[in-house]
Amino acid sequence: MRDSDFGLREIVLPRTIRIGNWSFELPKWAPARMGIGVLLILLGFLGFLPVLGFWMVPLGLMVLSYDIPRVRLWRQKVVAWWRGGKSEPPPELRKKNPD
């Protein structure tokens, strides 16, 4: 049986990274996202060189967190810690009041 037979729908969240006021869309193809994440991490280890920086390592981990569950769990813990344990779900996941 198909999911549509049970009235279930697949939830597709946008694959974007928000940093401050900036947001970046990631490719829809998982191997491309993983390649970008690994490349950012590898280049981040060369942070002592000009243009590259150690900031690329956490950014690469953020990109990988969309496809690797263990990294996703780490990212969720960091976000909860950063917000002081009072994190709210993103707007697209909040339940709408049926007022």
PDB file of N, CA and C in Angstrom:
ATOM      1  N   MET A   1       0.839  -1.186   0.000  1.00  0.00           N
ATOM      2  CA  MET A   1       0.000   0.000   0.000  1.00  0.00           C
ATOM      3  C   MET A   1       0.880   1.244   0.000  1.00  0.00           C
ATOM      4  N   ARG A   2       0.336   2.259  -0.560  1.00  0.00           N
ATOM      5  CA  ARG A   2       1.067   3.508  -0.626  1.00  0.00           C
ATOM      6  C   ARG A   2       0.710   4.391   0.567  1.00  0.00           C
ATOM      7  N   ASP A   3       1.607   5.351   0.856  1.00  0.00           N
ATOM      8  CA  ASP A   3       1.335   6.277   1.962  1.00  0.00           C
ATOM      9  C   ASP A   3       0.078   7.092   1.708  1.00  0.00           C
ATOM     10  N   SER A   4      -0.203   7.393   0.432  1.00  0.00           N
ATOM     11  CA  SER A   4      -1.369   8.209   0.133  1.00  0.00           C
ATOM     12  C   SER A   4      -2.664   7.466   0.470  1.00  0.00           C
ATOM     13  N   ASP A   5      -2.611   6.117   0.511  1.00  0.00           N
ATOM     14  CA  ASP A   5      -3.787   5.347   0.882  1.00  0.00           C
ATOM     15  C   ASP A   5      -4.176   5.601   2.340  1.00  0.00           C
ATOM     16  N   PHE A   6      -3.228   5.936   3.167  1.00  0.00           N
ATOM     17  CA  PHE A   6      -3.484   6.175   4.585  1.00  0.00           C
ATOM     18  C   PHE A   6      -3.609   7.660   4.911  1.00  0.00           C
ATOM     19  N   GLY A   7      -3.545   8.502   3.907  1.00  0.00           N
ATOM     20  CA  GLY A   7      -3.642   9.934   4.142  1.00  0.00           C
ATOM     21  C   GLY A   7      -2.363  10.532   4.698  1.00  0.00           C
ATOM     22  N   LEU A   8      -1.235   9.832   4.574  1.00  0.00           N
ATOM     23  CA  LEU A   8       0.042  10.341   5.072  1.00  0.00           C
ATOM     24  C   LEU A   8       0.751  11.097   3.959  1.00  0.00           C
ATOM     25  N   ARG A   9       1.439  12.133   4.363  1.00  0.00           N
ATOM     26  CA  ARG A   9       2.223  12.888   3.398  1.00  0.00           C
ATOM     27  C   ARG A   9       3.651  12.963   3.877  1.00  0.00           C
ATOM     28  N   GLU A  10       4.552  12.977   2.948  1.00  0.00           N
ATOM     29  CA  GLU A  10       5.967  13.122   3.292  1.00  0.00           C
ATOM     30  C   GLU A  10       6.243  14.587   3.578  1.00  0.00           C
ATOM     31  N   ILE A  11       6.883  14.848   4.697  1.00  0.00           N
ATOM     32  CA  ILE A  11       7.240  16.216   5.056  1.00  0.00           C
ATOM     33  C   ILE A  11       8.605  16.510   4.456  1.00  0.00           C
ATOM     34  N   VAL A  12       8.652  17.507   3.599  1.00  0.00           N
ATOM     35  CA  VAL A  12       9.901  17.891   2.965  1.00  0.00           C
ATOM     36  C   VAL A  12      10.270  19.276   3.482  1.00  0.00           C
ATOM     37  N   LEU A  13      11.309  19.328   4.282  1.00  0.00           N
ATOM     38  CA  LEU A  13      11.767  20.602   4.819  1.00  0.00           C
ATOM     39  C   LEU A  13      12.767  21.217   3.858  1.00  0.00           C
ATOM     40  N   PRO A  14      12.792  22.521   3.766  1.00  0.00           N
ATOM     41  CA  PRO A  14      13.780  23.141   2.893  1.00  0.00           C
ATOM     42  C   PRO A  14      15.182  22.901   3.439  1.00  0.00           C
ATOM     43  N   ARG A  15      16.082  22.629   2.549  1.00  0.00           N
ATOM     44  CA  ARG A  15      17.468  22.378   2.955  1.00  0.00           C
ATOM     45  C   ARG A  15      18.234  23.695   2.872  1.00  0.00           C
ATOM     46  N   THR A  16      18.053  24.488   3.907  1.00  0.00           N
ATOM     47  CA  THR A  16      18.735  25.775   3.960  1.00  0.00           C
ATOM     48  C   THR A  16      19.524  25.873   5.250  1.00  0.00           C
ATOM     49  N   ILE A  17      20.579  26.640   5.183  1.00  0.00           N
ATOM     50  CA  ILE A  17      21.378  26.940   6.363  1.00  0.00           C
ATOM     51  C   ILE A  17      21.192  28.420   6.638  1.00  0.00           C
ATOM     52  N   ARG A  18      20.739  28.726   7.849  1.00  0.00           N
ATOM     53  CA  ARG A  18      20.565  30.119   8.247  1.00  0.00           C
ATOM     54  C   ARG A  18      21.665  30.497   9.219  1.00  0.00           C
ATOM     55  N   ILE A  19      22.360  31.564   8.893  1.00  0.00           N
ATOM     56  CA  ILE A  19      23.396  32.110   9.765  1.00  0.00           C
ATOM     57  C   ILE A  19      23.097  33.597   9.898  1.00  0.00           C
ATOM     58  N   GLY A  20      22.583  33.960  11.046  1.00  0.00           N
ATOM     59  CA  GLY A  20      22.202  35.360  11.242  1.00  0.00           C
ATOM     60  C   GLY A  20      21.074  35.721  10.295  1.00  0.00           C
ATOM     61  N   ASN A  21      21.278  36.757   9.508  1.00  0.00           N
ATOM     62  CA  ASN A  21      20.269  37.193   8.547  1.00  0.00           C
ATOM     63  C   ASN A  21      20.445  36.544   7.178  1.00  0.00           C
ATOM     64  N   TRP A  22      21.473  35.762   7.008  1.00  0.00           N
ATOM     65  CA  TRP A  22      21.736  35.120   5.719  1.00  0.00           C
ATOM     66  C   TRP A  22      21.161  33.717   5.705  1.00  0.00           C
ATOM     67  N   SER A  23      20.715  33.288   4.555  1.00  0.00           N
ATOM     68  CA  SER A  23      20.291  31.895   4.406  1.00  0.00           C
ATOM     69  C   SER A  23      20.803  31.389   3.065  1.00  0.00           C
ATOM     70  N   PHE A  24      21.255  30.156   3.080  1.00  0.00           N
ATOM     71  CA  PHE A  24      21.831  29.533   1.891  1.00  0.00           C
ATOM     72  C   PHE A  24      21.092  28.239   1.610  1.00  0.00           C
ATOM     73  N   GLU A  25      20.636  28.053   0.372  1.00  0.00           N
ATOM     74  CA  GLU A  25      19.990  26.804   0.005  1.00  0.00           C
ATOM     75  C   GLU A  25      21.038  25.785  -0.388  1.00  0.00           C
ATOM     76  N   LEU A  26      20.817  24.553   0.045  1.00  0.00           N
ATOM     77  CA  LEU A  26      21.711  23.459  -0.288  1.00  0.00           C
ATOM     78  C   LEU A  26      21.137  22.697  -1.471  1.00  0.00           C
ATOM     79  N   PRO A  27      21.993  21.988  -2.211  1.00  0.00           N
ATOM     80  CA  PRO A  27      21.478  21.184  -3.331  1.00  0.00           C
ATOM     81  C   PRO A  27      20.516  20.103  -2.843  1.00  0.00           C
ATOM     82  N   LYS A  28      19.599  19.699  -3.702  1.00  0.00           N
ATOM     83  CA  LYS A  28      18.637  18.661  -3.337  1.00  0.00           C
ATOM     84  C   LYS A  28      19.256  17.268  -3.434  1.00  0.00           C
ATOM     85  N   TRP A  29      20.313  17.126  -4.161  1.00  0.00           N
ATOM     86  CA  TRP A  29      20.957  15.836  -4.361  1.00  0.00           C
ATOM     87  C   TRP A  29      21.889  15.554  -3.185  1.00  0.00           C
ATOM     88  N   ALA A  30      21.625  14.479  -2.435  1.00  0.00           N
ATOM     89  CA  ALA A  30      22.366  14.169  -1.204  1.00  0.00           C
ATOM     90  C   ALA A  30      23.874  14.018  -1.428  1.00  0.00           C
ATOM     91  N   PRO A  31      24.353  13.325  -2.477  1.00  0.00           N
ATOM     92  CA  PRO A  31      25.808  13.230  -2.667  1.00  0.00           C
ATOM     93  C   PRO A  31      26.474  14.594  -2.857  1.00  0.00           C
ATOM     94  N   ALA A  32      25.768  15.532  -3.477  1.00  0.00           N
ATOM     95  CA  ALA A  32      26.346  16.872  -3.642  1.00  0.00           C
ATOM     96  C   ALA A  32      26.469  17.571  -2.293  1.00  0.00           C
ATOM     97  N   ARG A  33      25.418  17.445  -1.450  1.00  0.00           N
ATOM     98  CA  ARG A  33      25.489  18.045  -0.111  1.00  0.00           C
ATOM     99  C   ARG A  33      26.620  17.441   0.702  1.00  0.00           C
ATOM    100  N   MET A  34      26.748  16.118   0.641  1.00  0.00           N
ATOM    101  CA  MET A  34      27.807  15.464   1.412  1.00  0.00           C
ATOM    102  C   MET A  34      29.180  15.862   0.893  1.00  0.00           C
ATOM    103  N   GLY A  35      29.316  15.996  -0.408  1.00  0.00           N
ATOM    104  CA  GLY A  35      30.589  16.437  -0.983  1.00  0.00           C
ATOM    105  C   GLY A  35      30.950  17.846  -0.529  1.00  0.00           C
ATOM    106  N   ILE A  36      29.964  18.737  -0.514  1.00  0.00           N
ATOM    107  CA  ILE A  36      30.202  20.110  -0.054  1.00  0.00           C
ATOM    108  C   ILE A  36      30.615  20.107   1.416  1.00  0.00           C
ATOM    109  N   GLY A  37      29.924  19.306   2.235  1.00  0.00           N
ATOM    110  CA  GLY A  37      30.244  19.241   3.670  1.00  0.00           C
ATOM    111  C   GLY A  37      31.650  18.725   3.917  1.00  0.00           C
ATOM    112  N   VAL A  38      32.017  17.649   3.241  1.00  0.00           N
ATOM    113  CA  VAL A  38      33.365  17.078   3.412  1.00  0.00           C
ATOM    114  C   VAL A  38      34.418  18.060   2.917  1.00  0.00           C
ATOM    115  N   LEU A  39      34.149  18.713   1.783  1.00  0.00           N
ATOM    116  CA  LEU A  39      35.111  19.686   1.247  1.00  0.00           C
ATOM    117  C   LEU A  39      35.304  20.860   2.215  1.00  0.00           C
ATOM    118  N   LEU A  40      34.223  21.348   2.804  1.00  0.00           N
ATOM    119  CA  LEU A  40      34.349  22.441   3.774  1.00  0.00           C
ATOM    120  C   LEU A  40      35.183  22.018   4.981  1.00  0.00           C
ATOM    121  N   ILE A  41      34.960  20.794   5.466  1.00  0.00           N
ATOM    122  CA  ILE A  41      35.724  20.319   6.624  1.00  0.00           C
ATOM    123  C   ILE A  41      37.198  20.180   6.278  1.00  0.00           C
ATOM    124  N   LEU A  42      37.489  19.570   5.134  1.00  0.00           N
ATOM    125  CA  LEU A  42      38.892  19.385   4.742  1.00  0.00           C
ATOM    126  C   LEU A  42      39.604  20.718   4.534  1.00  0.00           C
ATOM    127  N   LEU A  43      38.934  21.657   3.868  1.00  0.00           N
ATOM    128  CA  LEU A  43      39.552  22.970   3.664  1.00  0.00           C
ATOM    129  C   LEU A  43      39.641  23.752   4.971  1.00  0.00           C
ATOM    130  N   GLY A  44      38.741  23.479   5.896  1.00  0.00           N
ATOM    131  CA  GLY A  44      38.787  24.145   7.199  1.00  0.00           C
ATOM    132  C   GLY A  44      40.024  23.778   7.997  1.00  0.00           C
ATOM    133  N   PHE A  45      40.524  22.562   7.790  1.00  0.00           N
ATOM    134  CA  PHE A  45      41.752  22.162   8.481  1.00  0.00           C
ATOM    135  C   PHE A  45      42.972  22.901   7.952  1.00  0.00           C
ATOM    136  N   LEU A  46      42.817  23.563   6.810  1.00  0.00           N
ATOM    137  CA  LEU A  46      43.891  24.405   6.274  1.00  0.00           C
ATOM    138  C   LEU A  46      43.637  25.872   6.637  1.00  0.00           C
ATOM    139  N   GLY A  47      43.027  26.088   7.762  1.00  0.00           N
ATOM    140  CA  GLY A  47      42.615  27.417   8.186  1.00  0.00           C
ATOM    141  C   GLY A  47      43.743  28.392   8.435  1.00  0.00           C
ATOM    142  N   PHE A  48      44.949  27.892   8.569  1.00  0.00           N
ATOM    143  CA  PHE A  48      46.068  28.799   8.783  1.00  0.00           C
ATOM    144  C   PHE A  48      46.453  29.516   7.492  1.00  0.00           C
ATOM    145  N   LEU A  49      45.936  29.060   6.343  1.00  0.00           N
ATOM    146  CA  LEU A  49      46.210  29.710   5.064  1.00  0.00           C
ATOM    147  C   LEU A  49      45.271  30.892   4.871  1.00  0.00           C
ATOM    148  N   PRO A  50      45.705  31.881   4.062  1.00  0.00           N
ATOM    149  CA  PRO A  50      44.802  33.006   3.785  1.00  0.00           C
ATOM    150  C   PRO A  50      43.539  32.523   3.059  1.00  0.00           C
ATOM    151  N   VAL A  51      42.452  33.203   3.201  1.00  0.00           N
ATOM    152  CA  VAL A  51      41.147  32.962   2.595  1.00  0.00           C
ATOM    153  C   VAL A  51      40.413  31.810   3.289  1.00  0.00           C
ATOM    154  N   LEU A  52      41.083  30.695   3.536  1.00  0.00           N
ATOM    155  CA  LEU A  52      40.453  29.579   4.220  1.00  0.00           C
ATOM    156  C   LEU A  52      40.443  29.872   5.713  1.00  0.00           C
ATOM    157  N   GLY A  53      39.592  29.208   6.429  1.00  0.00           N
ATOM    158  CA  GLY A  53      39.539  29.458   7.861  1.00  0.00           C
ATOM    159  C   GLY A  53      38.991  28.275   8.620  1.00  0.00           C
ATOM    160  N   PHE A  54      39.249  28.270   9.915  1.00  0.00           N
ATOM    161  CA  PHE A  54      38.763  27.193  10.764  1.00  0.00           C
ATOM    162  C   PHE A  54      37.240  27.244  10.909  1.00  0.00           C
ATOM    163  N   TRP A  55      36.605  28.360  10.533  1.00  0.00           N
ATOM    164  CA  TRP A  55      35.156  28.484  10.572  1.00  0.00           C
ATOM    165  C   TRP A  55      34.491  27.518   9.602  1.00  0.00           C
ATOM    166  N   MET A  56      35.256  26.994   8.642  1.00  0.00           N
ATOM    167  CA  MET A  56      34.689  26.100   7.634  1.00  0.00           C
ATOM    168  C   MET A  56      34.369  24.716   8.214  1.00  0.00           C
ATOM    169  N   VAL A  57      35.035  24.333   9.298  1.00  0.00           N
ATOM    170  CA  VAL A  57      34.786  23.012   9.896  1.00  0.00           C
ATOM    171  C   VAL A  57      33.363  22.931  10.461  1.00  0.00           C
ATOM    172  N   PRO A  58      32.927  23.860  11.333  1.00  0.00           N
ATOM    173  CA  PRO A  58      31.542  23.754  11.816  1.00  0.00           C
ATOM    174  C   PRO A  58      30.511  23.935  10.702  1.00  0.00           C
ATOM    175  N   LEU A  59      30.820  24.748   9.707  1.00  0.00           N
ATOM    176  CA  LEU A  59      29.899  24.916   8.592  1.00  0.00           C
ATOM    177  C   LEU A  59      29.760  23.604   7.813  1.00  0.00           C
ATOM    178  N   GLY A  60      30.871  22.902   7.610  1.00  0.00           N
ATOM    179  CA  GLY A  60      30.819  21.601   6.953  1.00  0.00           C
ATOM    180  C   GLY A  60      30.023  20.591   7.752  1.00  0.00           C
ATOM    181  N   LEU A  61      30.151  20.634   9.075  1.00  0.00           N
ATOM    182  CA  LEU A  61      29.366  19.739   9.919  1.00  0.00           C
ATOM    183  C   LEU A  61      27.873  20.069   9.830  1.00  0.00           C
ATOM    184  N   MET A  62      27.542  21.356   9.721  1.00  0.00           N
ATOM    185  CA  MET A  62      26.144  21.741   9.559  1.00  0.00           C
ATOM    186  C   MET A  62      25.580  21.194   8.254  1.00  0.00           C
ATOM    187  N   VAL A  63      26.355  21.256   7.184  1.00  0.00           N
ATOM    188  CA  VAL A  63      25.896  20.736   5.899  1.00  0.00           C
ATOM    189  C   VAL A  63      25.719  19.221   5.983  1.00  0.00           C
ATOM    190  N   LEU A  64      26.668  18.534   6.617  1.00  0.00           N
ATOM    191  CA  LEU A  64      26.571  17.081   6.735  1.00  0.00           C
ATOM    192  C   LEU A  64      25.411  16.653   7.633  1.00  0.00           C
ATOM    193  N   SER A  65      24.973  17.523   8.529  1.00  0.00           N
ATOM    194  CA  SER A  65      23.919  17.148   9.473  1.00  0.00           C
ATOM    195  C   SER A  65      22.582  16.894   8.787  1.00  0.00           C
ATOM    196  N   TYR A  66      22.416  17.319   7.558  1.00  0.00           N
ATOM    197  CA  TYR A  66      21.180  17.045   6.839  1.00  0.00           C
ATOM    198  C   TYR A  66      21.097  15.591   6.379  1.00  0.00           C
ATOM    199  N   ASP A  67      22.235  14.916   6.275  1.00  0.00           N
ATOM    200  CA  ASP A  67      22.240  13.560   5.736  1.00  0.00           C
ATOM    201  C   ASP A  67      22.754  12.503   6.697  1.00  0.00           C
ATOM    202  N   ILE A  68      23.445  12.882   7.758  1.00  0.00           N
ATOM    203  CA  ILE A  68      24.014  11.919   8.687  1.00  0.00           C
ATOM    204  C   ILE A  68      23.345  12.114  10.046  1.00  0.00           C
ATOM    205  N   PRO A  69      22.558  11.118  10.491  1.00  0.00           N
ATOM    206  CA  PRO A  69      21.780  11.289  11.734  1.00  0.00           C
ATOM    207  C   PRO A  69      22.625  11.609  12.965  1.00  0.00           C
ATOM    208  N   ARG A  70      23.790  11.026  13.105  1.00  0.00           N
ATOM    209  CA  ARG A  70      24.617  11.283  14.291  1.00  0.00           C
ATOM    210  C   ARG A  70      25.087  12.741  14.325  1.00  0.00           C
ATOM    211  N   VAL A  71      25.432  13.275  13.173  1.00  0.00           N
ATOM    212  CA  VAL A  71      25.848  14.684  13.105  1.00  0.00           C
ATOM    213  C   VAL A  71      24.633  15.581  13.357  1.00  0.00           C
ATOM    214  N   ARG A  72      23.460  15.155  12.882  1.00  0.00           N
ATOM    215  CA  ARG A  72      22.231  15.917  13.116  1.00  0.00           C
ATOM    216  C   ARG A  72      21.926  16.016  14.604  1.00  0.00           C
ATOM    217  N   LEU A  73      22.116  14.928  15.335  1.00  0.00           N
ATOM    218  CA  LEU A  73      21.898  14.931  16.783  1.00  0.00           C
ATOM    219  C   LEU A  73      22.863  15.899  17.464  1.00  0.00           C
ATOM    220  N   TRP A  74      24.117  15.891  17.043  1.00  0.00           N
ATOM    221  CA  TRP A  74      25.115  16.815  17.592  1.00  0.00           C
ATOM    222  C   TRP A  74      24.690  18.263  17.330  1.00  0.00           C
ATOM    223  N   ARG A  75      24.214  18.528  16.095  1.00  0.00           N
ATOM    224  CA  ARG A  75      23.801  19.894  15.749  1.00  0.00           C
ATOM    225  C   ARG A  75      22.621  20.323  16.606  1.00  0.00           C
ATOM    226  N   GLN A  76      21.654  19.435  16.820  1.00  0.00           N
ATOM    227  CA  GLN A  76      20.496  19.785  17.636  1.00  0.00           C
ATOM    228  C   GLN A  76      20.896  20.081  19.078  1.00  0.00           C
ATOM    229  N   LYS A  77      21.849  19.324  19.605  1.00  0.00           N
ATOM    230  CA  LYS A  77      22.322  19.589  20.964  1.00  0.00           C
ATOM    231  C   LYS A  77      23.038  20.932  21.047  1.00  0.00           C
ATOM    232  N   VAL A  78      23.831  21.254  20.050  1.00  0.00           N
ATOM    233  CA  VAL A  78      24.548  22.535  20.041  1.00  0.00           C
ATOM    234  C   VAL A  78      23.555  23.689  19.945  1.00  0.00           C
ATOM    235  N   VAL A  79      22.541  23.549  19.100  1.00  0.00           N
ATOM    236  CA  VAL A  79      21.549  24.616  18.962  1.00  0.00           C
ATOM    237  C   VAL A  79      20.786  24.815  20.271  1.00  0.00           C
ATOM    238  N   ALA A  80      20.412  23.708  20.930  1.00  0.00           N
ATOM    239  CA  ALA A  80      19.715  23.823  22.215  1.00  0.00           C
ATOM    240  C   ALA A  80      20.607  24.476  23.258  1.00  0.00           C
ATOM    241  N   TRP A  81      21.888  24.128  23.285  1.00  0.00           N
ATOM    242  CA  TRP A  81      22.816  24.740  24.229  1.00  0.00           C
ATOM    243  C   TRP A  81      22.976  26.226  23.913  1.00  0.00           C
ATOM    244  N   TRP A  82      23.098  26.551  22.634  1.00  0.00           N
ATOM    245  CA  TRP A  82      23.311  27.940  22.222  1.00  0.00           C
ATOM    246  C   TRP A  82      22.125  28.811  22.615  1.00  0.00           C
ATOM    247  N   ARG A  83      20.933  28.274  22.502  1.00  0.00           N
ATOM    248  CA  ARG A  83      19.725  29.032  22.848  1.00  0.00           C
ATOM    249  C   ARG A  83      19.395  28.944  24.326  1.00  0.00           C
ATOM    250  N   GLY A  84      20.216  28.304  25.097  1.00  0.00           N
ATOM    251  CA  GLY A  84      20.002  28.217  26.531  1.00  0.00           C
ATOM    252  C   GLY A  84      18.955  27.199  26.938  1.00  0.00           C
ATOM    253  N   GLY A  85      18.750  26.191  26.125  1.00  0.00           N
ATOM    254  CA  GLY A  85      17.793  25.149  26.445  1.00  0.00           C
ATOM    255  C   GLY A  85      16.347  25.553  26.244  1.00  0.00           C
ATOM    256  N   LYS A  86      16.112  26.758  25.759  1.00  0.00           N
ATOM    257  CA  LYS A  86      14.747  27.245  25.560  1.00  0.00           C
ATOM    258  C   LYS A  86      14.461  27.410  24.074  1.00  0.00           C
ATOM    259  N   SER A  87      14.860  26.423  23.301  1.00  0.00           N
ATOM    260  CA  SER A  87      14.704  26.559  21.860  1.00  0.00           C
ATOM    261  C   SER A  87      13.258  26.346  21.444  1.00  0.00           C
ATOM    262  N   GLU A  88      12.827  27.135  20.490  1.00  0.00           N
ATOM    263  CA  GLU A  88      11.505  26.977  19.902  1.00  0.00           C
ATOM    264  C   GLU A  88      11.680  26.288  18.561  1.00  0.00           C
ATOM    265  N   PRO A  89      10.678  25.532  18.135  1.00  0.00           N
ATOM    266  CA  PRO A  89      10.803  24.913  16.818  1.00  0.00           C
ATOM    267  C   PRO A  89      10.793  25.982  15.729  1.00  0.00           C
ATOM    268  N   PRO A  90      11.408  25.696  14.601  1.00  0.00           N
ATOM    269  CA  PRO A  90      11.399  26.679  13.514  1.00  0.00           C
ATOM    270  C   PRO A  90       9.968  26.950  13.057  1.00  0.00           C
ATOM    271  N   PRO A  91       9.728  28.100  12.429  1.00  0.00           N
ATOM    272  CA  PRO A  91       8.357  28.481  12.056  1.00  0.00           C
ATOM    273  C   PRO A  91       7.645  27.436  11.206  1.00  0.00           C
ATOM    274  N   GLU A  92       8.360  26.754  10.328  1.00  0.00           N
ATOM    275  CA  GLU A  92       7.719  25.789   9.445  1.00  0.00           C
ATOM    276  C   GLU A  92       7.260  24.530  10.182  1.00  0.00           C
ATOM    277  N   LEU A  93       7.753  24.300  11.421  1.00  0.00           N
ATOM    278  CA  LEU A  93       7.359  23.125  12.189  1.00  0.00           C
ATOM    279  C   LEU A  93       6.357  23.446  13.302  1.00  0.00           C
ATOM    280  N   ARG A  94       6.097  24.730  13.541  1.00  0.00           N
ATOM    281  CA  ARG A  94       5.160  25.096  14.589  1.00  0.00           C
ATOM    282  C   ARG A  94       3.751  24.731  14.184  1.00  0.00           C
ATOM    283  N   LYS A  95       2.951  24.300  15.150  1.00  0.00           N
ATOM    284  CA  LYS A  95       1.553  23.992  14.882  1.00  0.00           C
ATOM    285  C   LYS A  95       0.776  25.287  14.783  1.00  0.00           C
ATOM    286  N   LYS A  96      -0.095  25.320  13.817  1.00  0.00           N
ATOM    287  CA  LYS A  96      -0.922  26.518  13.648  1.00  0.00           C
ATOM    288  C   LYS A  96      -2.188  26.352  14.470  1.00  0.00           C
ATOM    289  N   ASN A  97      -2.558  27.428  15.166  1.00  0.00           N
ATOM    290  CA  ASN A  97      -3.764  27.400  15.981  1.00  0.00           C
ATOM    291  C   ASN A  97      -4.997  27.446  15.071  1.00  0.00           C
ATOM    292  N   PRO A  98      -5.973  26.569  15.305  1.00  0.00           N
ATOM    293  CA  PRO A  98      -7.182  26.591  14.464  1.00  0.00           C
ATOM    294  C   PRO A  98      -8.195  27.629  14.910  1.00  0.00           C
ATOM    295  N   ASP A  99      -7.729  28.866  15.132  1.00  0.00           N
ATOM    296  CA  ASP A  99      -8.630  29.939  15.594  1.00  0.00           C
ATOM    297  C   ASP A  99      -9.581  30.353  14.505  1.00  0.00           C
TER     298      ASP A  99
END
